[in-house]
Amino acid sequence: MQSSQNWGVKFIAQKAYLPEHCYHTNRLQLRYTIEIATQDFVTSKLAVEGGADRIELCAALADGGTTASFGTIKKCREAFNVELFPIIRARSGDFFYTN
């Protein structure tokens, strides 16, 4: 899996091999799934318009991402016909919640 970050948006590309009947001239063809981390309705809309296959929906992306509001999740689910994965994270910072 390859990942790069640019302007607070995370792009992830995963390789998936196509079935044998999809091969052309004996070349292996790869299909990529584009997942983009977004932080609100506007960035989600831009990602979908730009060709995203799925969205990782966050809030406070600059702080590592937290769970988006219920309203944002609902609005994005209703508006876009792509897979939507809201992250579940209570706060920014590290992942240690107890001593």
N, C-alpha and C. Protein backbone atom coordinates (compact mmCIF):
# COMPACT_ATOMS: atom_id res chain seq x y z
N MET A 1 0.84 -1.16 0.00
CA MET A 1 0.00 0.00 0.00
C MET A 1 0.89 1.23 0.00
N GLN A 2 0.57 2.21 -0.83
CA GLN A 2 1.33 3.44 -0.88
C GLN A 2 0.50 4.56 -0.28
N SER A 3 1.18 5.47 0.40
CA SER A 3 0.47 6.57 1.03
C SER A 3 1.31 7.83 0.91
N SER A 4 0.67 8.95 0.67
CA SER A 4 1.36 10.24 0.71
C SER A 4 0.40 11.26 1.28
N GLN A 5 0.96 12.27 1.92
CA GLN A 5 0.12 13.31 2.49
C GLN A 5 0.46 14.62 1.82
N ASN A 6 -0.56 15.38 1.48
CA ASN A 6 -0.37 16.63 0.80
C ASN A 6 -1.55 17.53 1.16
N TRP A 7 -1.28 18.70 1.70
CA TRP A 7 -2.31 19.66 2.08
C TRP A 7 -3.36 19.06 3.02
N GLY A 8 -2.94 18.19 3.91
CA GLY A 8 -3.86 17.62 4.89
C GLY A 8 -4.79 16.57 4.34
N VAL A 9 -4.57 16.10 3.13
CA VAL A 9 -5.41 15.06 2.54
C VAL A 9 -4.56 13.81 2.36
N LYS A 10 -5.04 12.68 2.81
CA LYS A 10 -4.29 11.44 2.73
C LYS A 10 -4.82 10.61 1.56
N PHE A 11 -3.93 10.18 0.68
CA PHE A 11 -4.29 9.36 -0.45
C PHE A 11 -3.73 7.96 -0.22
N ILE A 12 -4.53 6.94 -0.37
CA ILE A 12 -4.08 5.57 -0.22
C ILE A 12 -4.46 4.81 -1.48
N ALA A 13 -3.51 4.11 -2.04
CA ALA A 13 -3.78 3.29 -3.23
C ALA A 13 -3.51 1.84 -2.89
N GLN A 14 -4.46 0.98 -3.14
CA GLN A 14 -4.31 -0.45 -2.90
C GLN A 14 -4.38 -1.17 -4.23
N LYS A 15 -3.48 -2.14 -4.42
CA LYS A 15 -3.49 -2.92 -5.64
C LYS A 15 -4.49 -4.06 -5.52
N ALA A 16 -5.21 -4.30 -6.58
CA ALA A 16 -6.15 -5.43 -6.64
C ALA A 16 -6.04 -6.02 -8.04
N TYR A 17 -5.84 -7.29 -8.14
CA TYR A 17 -5.68 -7.93 -9.44
C TYR A 17 -7.04 -8.23 -10.06
N LEU A 18 -7.15 -7.96 -11.33
CA LEU A 18 -8.39 -8.21 -12.05
C LEU A 18 -8.52 -9.70 -12.38
N PRO A 19 -9.73 -10.20 -12.57
CA PRO A 19 -9.92 -11.59 -12.98
C PRO A 19 -9.23 -11.87 -14.31
N GLU A 20 -8.91 -13.12 -14.55
CA GLU A 20 -8.15 -13.52 -15.73
C GLU A 20 -8.80 -13.08 -17.03
N HIS A 21 -10.14 -13.10 -17.10
CA HIS A 21 -10.80 -12.73 -18.35
C HIS A 21 -10.66 -11.23 -18.66
N CYS A 22 -10.12 -10.44 -17.73
CA CYS A 22 -9.92 -9.01 -17.96
C CYS A 22 -8.52 -8.68 -18.47
N TYR A 23 -7.66 -9.70 -18.57
CA TYR A 23 -6.29 -9.44 -19.04
C TYR A 23 -6.30 -9.14 -20.53
N HIS A 24 -5.44 -8.25 -20.95
CA HIS A 24 -5.31 -7.91 -22.36
C HIS A 24 -3.86 -8.14 -22.77
N THR A 25 -3.65 -8.79 -23.86
CA THR A 25 -2.32 -9.09 -24.41
C THR A 25 -1.37 -9.66 -23.35
N ASN A 26 -1.90 -10.54 -22.53
CA ASN A 26 -1.13 -11.25 -21.51
C ASN A 26 -0.41 -10.32 -20.52
N ARG A 27 -0.86 -9.12 -20.34
CA ARG A 27 -0.29 -8.22 -19.36
C ARG A 27 -1.15 -8.21 -18.12
N LEU A 28 -0.50 -8.19 -16.99
CA LEU A 28 -1.22 -8.12 -15.73
C LEU A 28 -1.72 -6.69 -15.55
N GLN A 29 -3.01 -6.54 -15.36
CA GLN A 29 -3.58 -5.22 -15.15
C GLN A 29 -3.94 -5.06 -13.68
N LEU A 30 -3.64 -3.92 -13.14
CA LEU A 30 -3.93 -3.63 -11.75
C LEU A 30 -5.08 -2.64 -11.66
N ARG A 31 -5.89 -2.84 -10.66
CA ARG A 31 -6.97 -1.90 -10.38
C ARG A 31 -6.67 -1.28 -9.02
N TYR A 32 -6.74 0.02 -8.93
CA TYR A 32 -6.44 0.71 -7.69
C TYR A 32 -7.72 1.23 -7.05
N THR A 33 -7.76 1.18 -5.73
CA THR A 33 -8.84 1.78 -4.97
C THR A 33 -8.28 3.06 -4.36
N ILE A 34 -8.90 4.17 -4.66
CA ILE A 34 -8.44 5.46 -4.14
C ILE A 34 -9.29 5.84 -2.93
N GLU A 35 -8.64 5.92 -1.78
CA GLU A 35 -9.31 6.35 -0.54
C GLU A 35 -8.72 7.68 -0.14
N ILE A 36 -9.58 8.64 0.15
CA ILE A 36 -9.12 9.97 0.55
C ILE A 36 -9.70 10.32 1.91
N ALA A 37 -8.83 10.76 2.80
CA ALA A 37 -9.26 11.21 4.13
C ALA A 37 -9.74 12.65 4.00
N THR A 38 -10.96 12.89 4.41
CA THR A 38 -11.55 14.23 4.34
C THR A 38 -12.03 14.64 5.72
N GLN A 39 -12.32 15.94 5.88
CA GLN A 39 -12.70 16.39 7.22
C GLN A 39 -14.05 17.10 7.29
N ASP A 40 -14.74 17.20 6.17
CA ASP A 40 -16.05 17.84 6.18
C ASP A 40 -16.77 17.53 4.88
N PHE A 41 -17.97 18.09 4.73
CA PHE A 41 -18.76 17.83 3.53
C PHE A 41 -18.08 18.37 2.27
N VAL A 42 -17.51 19.55 2.35
CA VAL A 42 -16.90 20.19 1.18
C VAL A 42 -15.70 19.37 0.67
N THR A 43 -14.81 18.97 1.57
CA THR A 43 -13.65 18.19 1.12
C THR A 43 -14.08 16.81 0.64
N SER A 44 -15.13 16.25 1.22
CA SER A 44 -15.65 14.97 0.75
C SER A 44 -16.20 15.11 -0.67
N LYS A 45 -16.92 16.20 -0.91
CA LYS A 45 -17.47 16.45 -2.24
C LYS A 45 -16.35 16.60 -3.27
N LEU A 46 -15.31 17.32 -2.92
CA LEU A 46 -14.17 17.49 -3.83
C LEU A 46 -13.48 16.15 -4.11
N ALA A 47 -13.37 15.32 -3.09
CA ALA A 47 -12.73 14.00 -3.26
C ALA A 47 -13.55 13.13 -4.20
N VAL A 48 -14.86 13.11 -4.02
CA VAL A 48 -15.74 12.32 -4.89
C VAL A 48 -15.66 12.83 -6.32
N GLU A 49 -15.72 14.14 -6.49
CA GLU A 49 -15.62 14.73 -7.83
C GLU A 49 -14.27 14.44 -8.47
N GLY A 50 -13.24 14.28 -7.64
CA GLY A 50 -11.90 13.98 -8.14
C GLY A 50 -11.66 12.51 -8.41
N GLY A 51 -12.65 11.65 -8.14
CA GLY A 51 -12.53 10.24 -8.48
C GLY A 51 -12.29 9.29 -7.33
N ALA A 52 -12.50 9.72 -6.11
CA ALA A 52 -12.29 8.84 -4.96
C ALA A 52 -13.25 7.65 -5.01
N ASP A 53 -12.74 6.47 -4.70
CA ASP A 53 -13.58 5.27 -4.60
C ASP A 53 -14.21 5.14 -3.23
N ARG A 54 -13.51 5.67 -2.22
CA ARG A 54 -14.06 5.65 -0.87
C ARG A 54 -13.47 6.79 -0.06
N ILE A 55 -14.18 7.15 1.01
CA ILE A 55 -13.83 8.29 1.85
C ILE A 55 -13.59 7.80 3.27
N GLU A 56 -12.51 8.30 3.87
CA GLU A 56 -12.29 8.14 5.31
C GLU A 56 -12.65 9.49 5.92
N LEU A 57 -13.78 9.56 6.57
CA LEU A 57 -14.30 10.84 7.07
C LEU A 57 -13.82 11.09 8.49
N CYS A 58 -13.20 12.23 8.70
CA CYS A 58 -12.65 12.62 9.99
C CYS A 58 -13.09 14.04 10.32
N ALA A 59 -12.79 14.45 11.52
CA ALA A 59 -12.83 15.86 11.90
C ALA A 59 -11.42 16.16 12.41
N ALA A 60 -11.02 17.40 12.42
CA ALA A 60 -9.71 17.82 12.93
C ALA A 60 -8.59 16.98 12.31
N LEU A 61 -8.59 16.89 11.00
CA LEU A 61 -7.60 16.08 10.28
C LEU A 61 -6.18 16.54 10.57
N ALA A 62 -5.98 17.84 10.74
CA ALA A 62 -4.64 18.37 11.03
C ALA A 62 -4.11 17.88 12.37
N ASP A 63 -4.99 17.49 13.27
CA ASP A 63 -4.59 16.97 14.58
C ASP A 63 -4.53 15.44 14.60
N GLY A 64 -4.59 14.81 13.46
CA GLY A 64 -4.55 13.35 13.40
C GLY A 64 -5.91 12.72 13.18
N GLY A 65 -6.95 13.51 13.25
CA GLY A 65 -8.30 13.02 12.97
C GLY A 65 -9.05 12.59 14.22
N THR A 66 -10.29 13.02 14.30
CA THR A 66 -11.22 12.59 15.35
C THR A 66 -12.54 12.24 14.66
N THR A 67 -13.47 11.72 15.41
CA THR A 67 -14.77 11.33 14.84
C THR A 67 -15.54 12.58 14.38
N ALA A 68 -16.03 12.52 13.17
CA ALA A 68 -16.85 13.62 12.63
C ALA A 68 -18.21 13.64 13.34
N SER A 69 -18.89 14.76 13.25
CA SER A 69 -20.21 14.87 13.89
C SER A 69 -21.22 13.97 13.18
N PHE A 70 -22.27 13.63 13.90
CA PHE A 70 -23.33 12.80 13.33
C PHE A 70 -23.92 13.47 12.09
N GLY A 71 -24.12 14.79 12.16
CA GLY A 71 -24.70 15.52 11.04
C GLY A 71 -23.83 15.46 9.79
N THR A 72 -22.52 15.58 9.96
CA THR A 72 -21.60 15.50 8.82
C THR A 72 -21.62 14.11 8.21
N ILE A 73 -21.59 13.09 9.06
CA ILE A 73 -21.62 11.71 8.57
C ILE A 73 -22.91 11.45 7.79
N LYS A 74 -24.04 11.87 8.36
CA LYS A 74 -25.34 11.66 7.72
C LYS A 74 -25.43 12.38 6.38
N LYS A 75 -25.00 13.63 6.35
CA LYS A 75 -25.06 14.43 5.13
C LYS A 75 -24.20 13.80 4.03
N CYS A 76 -23.01 13.33 4.38
CA CYS A 76 -22.13 12.70 3.39
C CYS A 76 -22.70 11.37 2.91
N ARG A 77 -23.27 10.58 3.81
CA ARG A 77 -23.87 9.30 3.40
C ARG A 77 -25.02 9.51 2.42
N GLU A 78 -25.80 10.55 2.66
CA GLU A 78 -26.95 10.82 1.79
C GLU A 78 -26.54 11.40 0.44
N ALA A 79 -25.43 12.13 0.41
CA ALA A 79 -25.05 12.86 -0.80
C ALA A 79 -24.16 12.08 -1.77
N PHE A 80 -23.35 11.15 -1.26
CA PHE A 80 -22.35 10.52 -2.10
C PHE A 80 -22.56 9.02 -2.23
N ASN A 81 -22.33 8.54 -3.43
CA ASN A 81 -22.50 7.12 -3.71
C ASN A 81 -21.14 6.42 -3.76
N VAL A 82 -20.34 6.60 -2.71
CA VAL A 82 -19.07 5.90 -2.54
C VAL A 82 -19.04 5.33 -1.13
N GLU A 83 -18.13 4.39 -0.90
CA GLU A 83 -17.99 3.85 0.44
C GLU A 83 -17.53 4.97 1.37
N LEU A 84 -18.11 5.03 2.56
CA LEU A 84 -17.79 6.07 3.52
C LEU A 84 -17.44 5.41 4.85
N PHE A 85 -16.23 5.67 5.32
CA PHE A 85 -15.76 5.10 6.57
C PHE A 85 -15.44 6.22 7.55
N PRO A 86 -16.37 6.54 8.47
CA PRO A 86 -16.05 7.53 9.49
C PRO A 86 -15.10 6.91 10.52
N ILE A 87 -14.04 7.62 10.87
CA ILE A 87 -13.15 7.07 11.89
C ILE A 87 -13.78 7.28 13.25
N ILE A 88 -13.45 6.40 14.17
CA ILE A 88 -13.94 6.51 15.54
C ILE A 88 -12.72 6.80 16.41
N ARG A 89 -12.60 8.04 16.82
CA ARG A 89 -11.48 8.46 17.66
C ARG A 89 -11.96 9.63 18.51
N ALA A 90 -11.90 9.47 19.81
CA ALA A 90 -12.48 10.44 20.74
C ALA A 90 -11.71 11.75 20.85
N ARG A 91 -10.38 11.70 20.64
CA ARG A 91 -9.59 12.90 20.81
C ARG A 91 -8.34 12.83 19.95
N SER A 92 -7.72 13.98 19.74
CA SER A 92 -6.46 14.00 19.00
C SER A 92 -5.33 13.61 19.94
N GLY A 93 -4.14 13.50 19.39
CA GLY A 93 -2.99 13.11 20.20
C GLY A 93 -2.66 11.65 20.02
N ASP A 94 -2.00 11.08 21.02
CA ASP A 94 -1.60 9.68 20.92
C ASP A 94 -2.78 8.75 21.17
N PHE A 95 -2.51 7.46 21.11
CA PHE A 95 -3.57 6.47 21.27
C PHE A 95 -3.57 5.84 22.65
N PHE A 96 -2.87 6.42 23.60
CA PHE A 96 -2.86 5.91 24.97
C PHE A 96 -3.97 6.61 25.74
N TYR A 97 -4.97 5.85 26.15
CA TYR A 97 -6.10 6.43 26.86
C TYR A 97 -6.06 6.16 28.35
N THR A 98 -5.18 5.28 28.80
CA THR A 98 -5.02 5.01 30.23
C THR A 98 -3.54 4.87 30.51
N ASN A 99 -3.19 4.95 31.77
CA ASN A 99 -1.78 4.75 32.15
C ASN A 99 -1.53 3.29 32.20
